[in-house]
Amino acid sequence: MEQLALIASDRGGWLAGWGTLMLVNAGLAQGKNRSGLVWFLLSALLGPIATLILVVLPRVRAKMF
């Protein structure tokens, strides 16, 4: 049982970092006029690769109408 608690505590930092990255990517996407929810979910799968894609993608023009 102690081994299970040790494994869970090791994953806690990794999951907190991944979750923080997901939130950062959602904010970055919204800043570029893209869907924050879509990029939040993509970040769950792609992680740092999604961040790289967001940084490289140009800003979407705001719609006039």
PDB file of N, CA and C in Angstrom:
ATOM      1  N   MET A   1       0.825  -1.194   0.000  1.00  0.00           N
ATOM      2  CA  MET A   1       0.000   0.000   0.000  1.00  0.00           C
ATOM      3  C   MET A   1       0.868   1.257   0.000  1.00  0.00           C
ATOM      4  N   GLU A   2       2.008   1.194   0.662  1.00  0.00           N
ATOM      5  CA  GLU A   2       2.903   2.347   0.691  1.00  0.00           C
ATOM      6  C   GLU A   2       3.480   2.624  -0.693  1.00  0.00           C
ATOM      7  N   GLN A   3       3.713   1.560  -1.463  1.00  0.00           N
ATOM      8  CA  GLN A   3       4.237   1.742  -2.815  1.00  0.00           C
ATOM      9  C   GLN A   3       3.224   2.458  -3.704  1.00  0.00           C
ATOM     10  N   LEU A   4       1.944   2.145  -3.526  1.00  0.00           N
ATOM     11  CA  LEU A   4       0.896   2.797  -4.304  1.00  0.00           C
ATOM     12  C   LEU A   4       0.832   4.284  -3.969  1.00  0.00           C
ATOM     13  N   ALA A   5       0.954   4.637  -2.708  1.00  0.00           N
ATOM     14  CA  ALA A   5       0.947   6.047  -2.302  1.00  0.00           C
ATOM     15  C   ALA A   5       2.168   6.776  -2.862  1.00  0.00           C
ATOM     16  N   LEU A   6       3.292   6.106  -2.913  1.00  0.00           N
ATOM     17  CA  LEU A   6       4.509   6.711  -3.452  1.00  0.00           C
ATOM     18  C   LEU A   6       4.366   6.977  -4.951  1.00  0.00           C
ATOM     19  N   ILE A   7       3.787   6.031  -5.673  1.00  0.00           N
ATOM     20  CA  ILE A   7       3.574   6.210  -7.112  1.00  0.00           C
ATOM     21  C   ILE A   7       2.591   7.346  -7.357  1.00  0.00           C
ATOM     22  N   ALA A   8       1.524   7.418  -6.584  1.00  0.00           N
ATOM     23  CA  ALA A   8       0.529   8.475  -6.751  1.00  0.00           C
ATOM     24  C   ALA A   8       1.124   9.841  -6.452  1.00  0.00           C
ATOM     25  N   SER A   9       1.991   9.935  -5.465  1.00  0.00           N
ATOM     26  CA  SER A   9       2.582  11.228  -5.137  1.00  0.00           C
ATOM     27  C   SER A   9       3.570  11.675  -6.214  1.00  0.00           C
ATOM     28  N   ASP A  10       4.239  10.746  -6.869  1.00  0.00           N
ATOM     29  CA  ASP A  10       5.150  11.093  -7.960  1.00  0.00           C
ATOM     30  C   ASP A  10       4.393  11.624  -9.169  1.00  0.00           C
ATOM     31  N   ARG A  11       3.225  11.108  -9.419  1.00  0.00           N
ATOM     32  CA  ARG A  11       2.427  11.547 -10.569  1.00  0.00           C
ATOM     33  C   ARG A  11       1.743  12.879 -10.312  1.00  0.00           C
ATOM     34  N   GLY A  12       1.578  13.251  -9.071  1.00  0.00           N
ATOM     35  CA  GLY A  12       0.871  14.476  -8.737  1.00  0.00           C
ATOM     36  C   GLY A  12       1.508  15.713  -9.343  1.00  0.00           C
ATOM     37  N   GLY A  13       2.821  15.828  -9.270  1.00  0.00           N
ATOM     38  CA  GLY A  13       3.516  16.972  -9.844  1.00  0.00           C
ATOM     39  C   GLY A  13       3.437  16.997 -11.348  1.00  0.00           C
ATOM     40  N   TRP A  14       3.528  15.830 -11.956  1.00  0.00           N
ATOM     41  CA  TRP A  14       3.452  15.720 -13.407  1.00  0.00           C
ATOM     42  C   TRP A  14       2.068  16.116 -13.898  1.00  0.00           C
ATOM     43  N   LEU A  15       1.034  15.660 -13.203  1.00  0.00           N
ATOM     44  CA  LEU A  15      -0.333  15.999 -13.606  1.00  0.00           C
ATOM     45  C   LEU A  15      -0.627  17.475 -13.385  1.00  0.00           C
ATOM     46  N   ALA A  16      -0.113  18.047 -12.324  1.00  0.00           N
ATOM     47  CA  ALA A  16      -0.315  19.480 -12.071  1.00  0.00           C
ATOM     48  C   ALA A  16       0.370  20.310 -13.160  1.00  0.00           C
ATOM     49  N   GLY A  17       1.540  19.914 -13.588  1.00  0.00           N
ATOM     50  CA  GLY A  17       2.241  20.621 -14.645  1.00  0.00           C
ATOM     51  C   GLY A  17       1.517  20.514 -15.970  1.00  0.00           C
ATOM     52  N   TRP A  18       1.013  19.327 -16.289  1.00  0.00           N
ATOM     53  CA  TRP A  18       0.300  19.122 -17.543  1.00  0.00           C
ATOM     54  C   TRP A  18      -1.006  19.924 -17.536  1.00  0.00           C
ATOM     55  N   GLY A  19      -1.699  19.928 -16.402  1.00  0.00           N
ATOM     56  CA  GLY A  19      -2.935  20.698 -16.281  1.00  0.00           C
ATOM     57  C   GLY A  19      -2.691  22.191 -16.408  1.00  0.00           C
ATOM     58  N   THR A  20      -1.595  22.664 -15.825  1.00  0.00           N
ATOM     59  CA  THR A  20      -1.237  24.078 -15.950  1.00  0.00           C
ATOM     60  C   THR A  20      -0.929  24.418 -17.400  1.00  0.00           C
ATOM     61  N   LEU A  21      -0.225  23.554 -18.090  1.00  0.00           N
ATOM     62  CA  LEU A  21       0.082  23.772 -19.503  1.00  0.00           C
ATOM     63  C   LEU A  21      -1.201  23.826 -20.326  1.00  0.00           C
ATOM     64  N   MET A  22      -2.176  23.005 -19.994  1.00  0.00           N
ATOM     65  CA  MET A  22      -3.455  23.033 -20.700  1.00  0.00           C
ATOM     66  C   MET A  22      -4.140  24.384 -20.532  1.00  0.00           C
ATOM     67  N   LEU A  23      -4.115  24.924 -19.327  1.00  0.00           N
ATOM     68  CA  LEU A  23      -4.721  26.234 -19.077  1.00  0.00           C
ATOM     69  C   LEU A  23      -3.967  27.349 -19.790  1.00  0.00           C
ATOM     70  N   VAL A  24      -2.655  27.283 -19.778  1.00  0.00           N
ATOM     71  CA  VAL A  24      -1.844  28.290 -20.480  1.00  0.00           C
ATOM     72  C   VAL A  24      -2.137  28.253 -21.977  1.00  0.00           C
ATOM     73  N   ASN A  25      -2.232  27.066 -22.541  1.00  0.00           N
ATOM     74  CA  ASN A  25      -2.516  26.945 -23.965  1.00  0.00           C
ATOM     75  C   ASN A  25      -3.906  27.472 -24.305  1.00  0.00           C
ATOM     76  N   ALA A  26      -4.874  27.249 -23.436  1.00  0.00           N
ATOM     77  CA  ALA A  26      -6.215  27.787 -23.678  1.00  0.00           C
ATOM     78  C   ALA A  26      -6.186  29.309 -23.685  1.00  0.00           C
ATOM     79  N   GLY A  27      -5.466  29.903 -22.766  1.00  0.00           N
ATOM     80  CA  GLY A  27      -5.340  31.356 -22.728  1.00  0.00           C
ATOM     81  C   GLY A  27      -4.596  31.896 -23.935  1.00  0.00           C
ATOM     82  N   LEU A  28      -3.546  31.209 -24.343  1.00  0.00           N
ATOM     83  CA  LEU A  28      -2.784  31.614 -25.519  1.00  0.00           C
ATOM     84  C   LEU A  28      -3.652  31.531 -26.771  1.00  0.00           C
ATOM     85  N   ALA A  29      -4.449  30.492 -26.878  1.00  0.00           N
ATOM     86  CA  ALA A  29      -5.338  30.343 -28.031  1.00  0.00           C
ATOM     87  C   ALA A  29      -6.369  31.465 -28.066  1.00  0.00           C
ATOM     88  N   GLN A  30      -6.939  31.800 -26.935  1.00  0.00           N
ATOM     89  CA  GLN A  30      -7.927  32.878 -26.907  1.00  0.00           C
ATOM     90  C   GLN A  30      -7.293  34.215 -27.258  1.00  0.00           C
ATOM     91  N   GLY A  31      -6.059  34.413 -26.888  1.00  0.00           N
ATOM     92  CA  GLY A  31      -5.347  35.626 -27.245  1.00  0.00           C
ATOM     93  C   GLY A  31      -5.111  35.741 -28.743  1.00  0.00           C
ATOM     94  N   LYS A  32      -5.144  34.606 -29.434  1.00  0.00           N
ATOM     95  CA  LYS A  32      -4.976  34.598 -30.889  1.00  0.00           C
ATOM     96  C   LYS A  32      -6.315  34.397 -31.591  1.00  0.00           C
ATOM     97  N   ASN A  33      -7.409  34.695 -30.906  1.00  0.00           N
ATOM     98  CA  ASN A  33      -8.777  34.582 -31.443  1.00  0.00           C
ATOM     99  C   ASN A  33      -9.116  33.169 -31.903  1.00  0.00           C
ATOM    100  N   ARG A  34      -8.655  32.194 -31.158  1.00  0.00           N
ATOM    101  CA  ARG A  34      -8.976  30.792 -31.428  1.00  0.00           C
ATOM    102  C   ARG A  34      -9.754  30.225 -30.243  1.00  0.00           C
ATOM    103  N   SER A  35     -10.358  29.087 -30.420  1.00  0.00           N
ATOM    104  CA  SER A  35     -11.181  28.483 -29.385  1.00  0.00           C
ATOM    105  C   SER A  35     -10.312  27.966 -28.227  1.00  0.00           C
ATOM    106  N   GLY A  36     -10.524  28.536 -27.059  1.00  0.00           N
ATOM    107  CA  GLY A  36      -9.776  28.101 -25.896  1.00  0.00           C
ATOM    108  C   GLY A  36     -10.123  26.673 -25.489  1.00  0.00           C
ATOM    109  N   LEU A  37     -11.395  26.303 -25.603  1.00  0.00           N
ATOM    110  CA  LEU A  37     -11.822  24.962 -25.218  1.00  0.00           C
ATOM    111  C   LEU A  37     -11.208  23.900 -26.118  1.00  0.00           C
ATOM    112  N   VAL A  38     -11.207  24.164 -27.412  1.00  0.00           N
ATOM    113  CA  VAL A  38     -10.626  23.197 -28.357  1.00  0.00           C
ATOM    114  C   VAL A  38      -9.145  23.003 -28.064  1.00  0.00           C
ATOM    115  N   TRP A  39      -8.417  24.104 -27.849  1.00  0.00           N
ATOM    116  CA  TRP A  39      -6.987  23.994 -27.595  1.00  0.00           C
ATOM    117  C   TRP A  39      -6.703  23.431 -26.209  1.00  0.00           C
ATOM    118  N   PHE A  40      -7.598  23.642 -25.260  1.00  0.00           N
ATOM    119  CA  PHE A  40      -7.467  23.022 -23.943  1.00  0.00           C
ATOM    120  C   PHE A  40      -7.504  21.500 -24.093  1.00  0.00           C
ATOM    121  N   LEU A  41      -8.463  21.020 -24.874  1.00  0.00           N
ATOM    122  CA  LEU A  41      -8.593  19.575 -25.086  1.00  0.00           C
ATOM    123  C   LEU A  41      -7.448  19.024 -25.933  1.00  0.00           C
ATOM    124  N   LEU A  42      -7.027  19.773 -26.944  1.00  0.00           N
ATOM    125  CA  LEU A  42      -5.879  19.326 -27.736  1.00  0.00           C
ATOM    126  C   LEU A  42      -4.620  19.258 -26.876  1.00  0.00           C
ATOM    127  N   SER A  43      -4.497  20.172 -25.953  1.00  0.00           N
ATOM    128  CA  SER A  43      -3.325  20.181 -25.074  1.00  0.00           C
ATOM    129  C   SER A  43      -3.289  18.968 -24.162  1.00  0.00           C
ATOM    130  N   ALA A  44      -4.457  18.430 -23.854  1.00  0.00           N
ATOM    131  CA  ALA A  44      -4.497  17.214 -23.041  1.00  0.00           C
ATOM    132  C   ALA A  44      -3.837  16.058 -23.797  1.00  0.00           C
ATOM    133  N   LEU A  45      -3.968  16.066 -25.116  1.00  0.00           N
ATOM    134  CA  LEU A  45      -3.390  14.992 -25.931  1.00  0.00           C
ATOM    135  C   LEU A  45      -1.961  15.296 -26.374  1.00  0.00           C
ATOM    136  N   LEU A  46      -1.726  16.559 -26.780  1.00  0.00           N
ATOM    137  CA  LEU A  46      -0.444  16.900 -27.393  1.00  0.00           C
ATOM    138  C   LEU A  46       0.550  17.564 -26.441  1.00  0.00           C
ATOM    139  N   GLY A  47       0.056  18.203 -25.396  1.00  0.00           N
ATOM    140  CA  GLY A  47       0.922  18.853 -24.409  1.00  0.00           C
ATOM    141  C   GLY A  47       1.796  19.938 -25.003  1.00  0.00           C
ATOM    142  N   PRO A  48       3.101  19.851 -24.819  1.00  0.00           N
ATOM    143  CA  PRO A  48       4.014  20.896 -25.291  1.00  0.00           C
ATOM    144  C   PRO A  48       4.004  21.077 -26.812  1.00  0.00           C
ATOM    145  N   ILE A  49       3.634  20.057 -27.550  1.00  0.00           N
ATOM    146  CA  ILE A  49       3.549  20.188 -28.999  1.00  0.00           C
ATOM    147  C   ILE A  49       2.434  21.167 -29.369  1.00  0.00           C
ATOM    148  N   ALA A  50       1.330  21.137 -28.621  1.00  0.00           N
ATOM    149  CA  ALA A  50       0.241  22.092 -28.862  1.00  0.00           C
ATOM    150  C   ALA A  50       0.715  23.514 -28.592  1.00  0.00           C
ATOM    151  N   THR A  51       1.548  23.699 -27.586  1.00  0.00           N
ATOM    152  CA  THR A  51       2.095  25.027 -27.296  1.00  0.00           C
ATOM    153  C   THR A  51       2.934  25.515 -28.472  1.00  0.00           C
ATOM    154  N   LEU A  52       3.763  24.664 -28.993  1.00  0.00           N
ATOM    155  CA  LEU A  52       4.593  25.029 -30.142  1.00  0.00           C
ATOM    156  C   LEU A  52       3.731  25.398 -31.346  1.00  0.00           C
ATOM    157  N   ILE A  53       2.699  24.622 -31.599  1.00  0.00           N
ATOM    158  CA  ILE A  53       1.810  24.912 -32.725  1.00  0.00           C
ATOM    159  C   ILE A  53       1.133  26.264 -32.528  1.00  0.00           C
ATOM    160  N   LEU A  54       0.660  26.535 -31.319  1.00  0.00           N
ATOM    161  CA  LEU A  54      -0.007  27.810 -31.047  1.00  0.00           C
ATOM    162  C   LEU A  54       0.930  28.994 -31.217  1.00  0.00           C
ATOM    163  N   VAL A  55       2.159  28.837 -30.819  1.00  0.00           N
ATOM    164  CA  VAL A  55       3.116  29.934 -30.933  1.00  0.00           C
ATOM    165  C   VAL A  55       3.409  30.228 -32.405  1.00  0.00           C
ATOM    166  N   VAL A  56       3.460  29.192 -33.237  1.00  0.00           N
ATOM    167  CA  VAL A  56       3.798  29.354 -34.648  1.00  0.00           C
ATOM    168  C   VAL A  56       2.606  29.864 -35.464  1.00  0.00           C
ATOM    169  N   LEU A  57       1.389  29.471 -35.094  1.00  0.00           N
ATOM    170  CA  LEU A  57       0.213  29.873 -35.859  1.00  0.00           C
ATOM    171  C   LEU A  57      -0.011  31.377 -35.781  1.00  0.00           C
ATOM    172  N   PRO A  58      -0.436  31.986 -36.904  1.00  0.00           N
ATOM    173  CA  PRO A  58      -0.721  33.426 -36.864  1.00  0.00           C
ATOM    174  C   PRO A  58      -2.052  33.698 -36.166  1.00  0.00           C
ATOM    175  N   ARG A  59      -2.216  34.945 -35.771  1.00  0.00           N
ATOM    176  CA  ARG A  59      -3.469  35.370 -35.135  1.00  0.00           C
ATOM    177  C   ARG A  59      -4.590  35.361 -36.168  1.00  0.00           C
ATOM    178  N   VAL A  60      -5.772  34.910 -35.770  1.00  0.00           N
ATOM    179  CA  VAL A  60      -6.942  34.900 -36.647  1.00  0.00           C
ATOM    180  C   VAL A  60      -7.546  36.300 -36.632  1.00  0.00           C
ATOM    181  N   ARG A  61      -7.864  36.795 -37.808  1.00  0.00           N
ATOM    182  CA  ARG A  61      -8.488  38.112 -37.883  1.00  0.00           C
ATOM    183  C   ARG A  61      -9.863  38.072 -37.242  1.00  0.00           C
ATOM    184  N   ALA A  62     -10.217  39.152 -36.573  1.00  0.00           N
ATOM    185  CA  ALA A  62     -11.557  39.262 -35.991  1.00  0.00           C
ATOM    186  C   ALA A  62     -12.564  39.452 -37.120  1.00  0.00           C
ATOM    187  N   LYS A  63     -13.714  38.840 -36.994  1.00  0.00           N
ATOM    188  CA  LYS A  63     -14.744  38.971 -38.023  1.00  0.00           C
ATOM    189  C   LYS A  63     -15.389  40.355 -37.917  1.00  0.00           C
ATOM    190  N   MET A  64     -15.668  40.947 -39.060  1.00  0.00           N
ATOM    191  CA  MET A  64     -16.270  42.269 -39.066  1.00  0.00           C
ATOM    192  C   MET A  64     -17.767  42.211 -38.766  1.00  0.00           C
ATOM    193  N   PHE A  65     -18.435  41.130 -39.187  1.00  0.00           N
ATOM    194  CA  PHE A  65     -19.865  41.049 -38.979  1.00  0.00           C
ATOM    195  C   PHE A  65     -20.227  39.811 -38.219  1.00  0.00           C
TER     196      PHE A  65
END
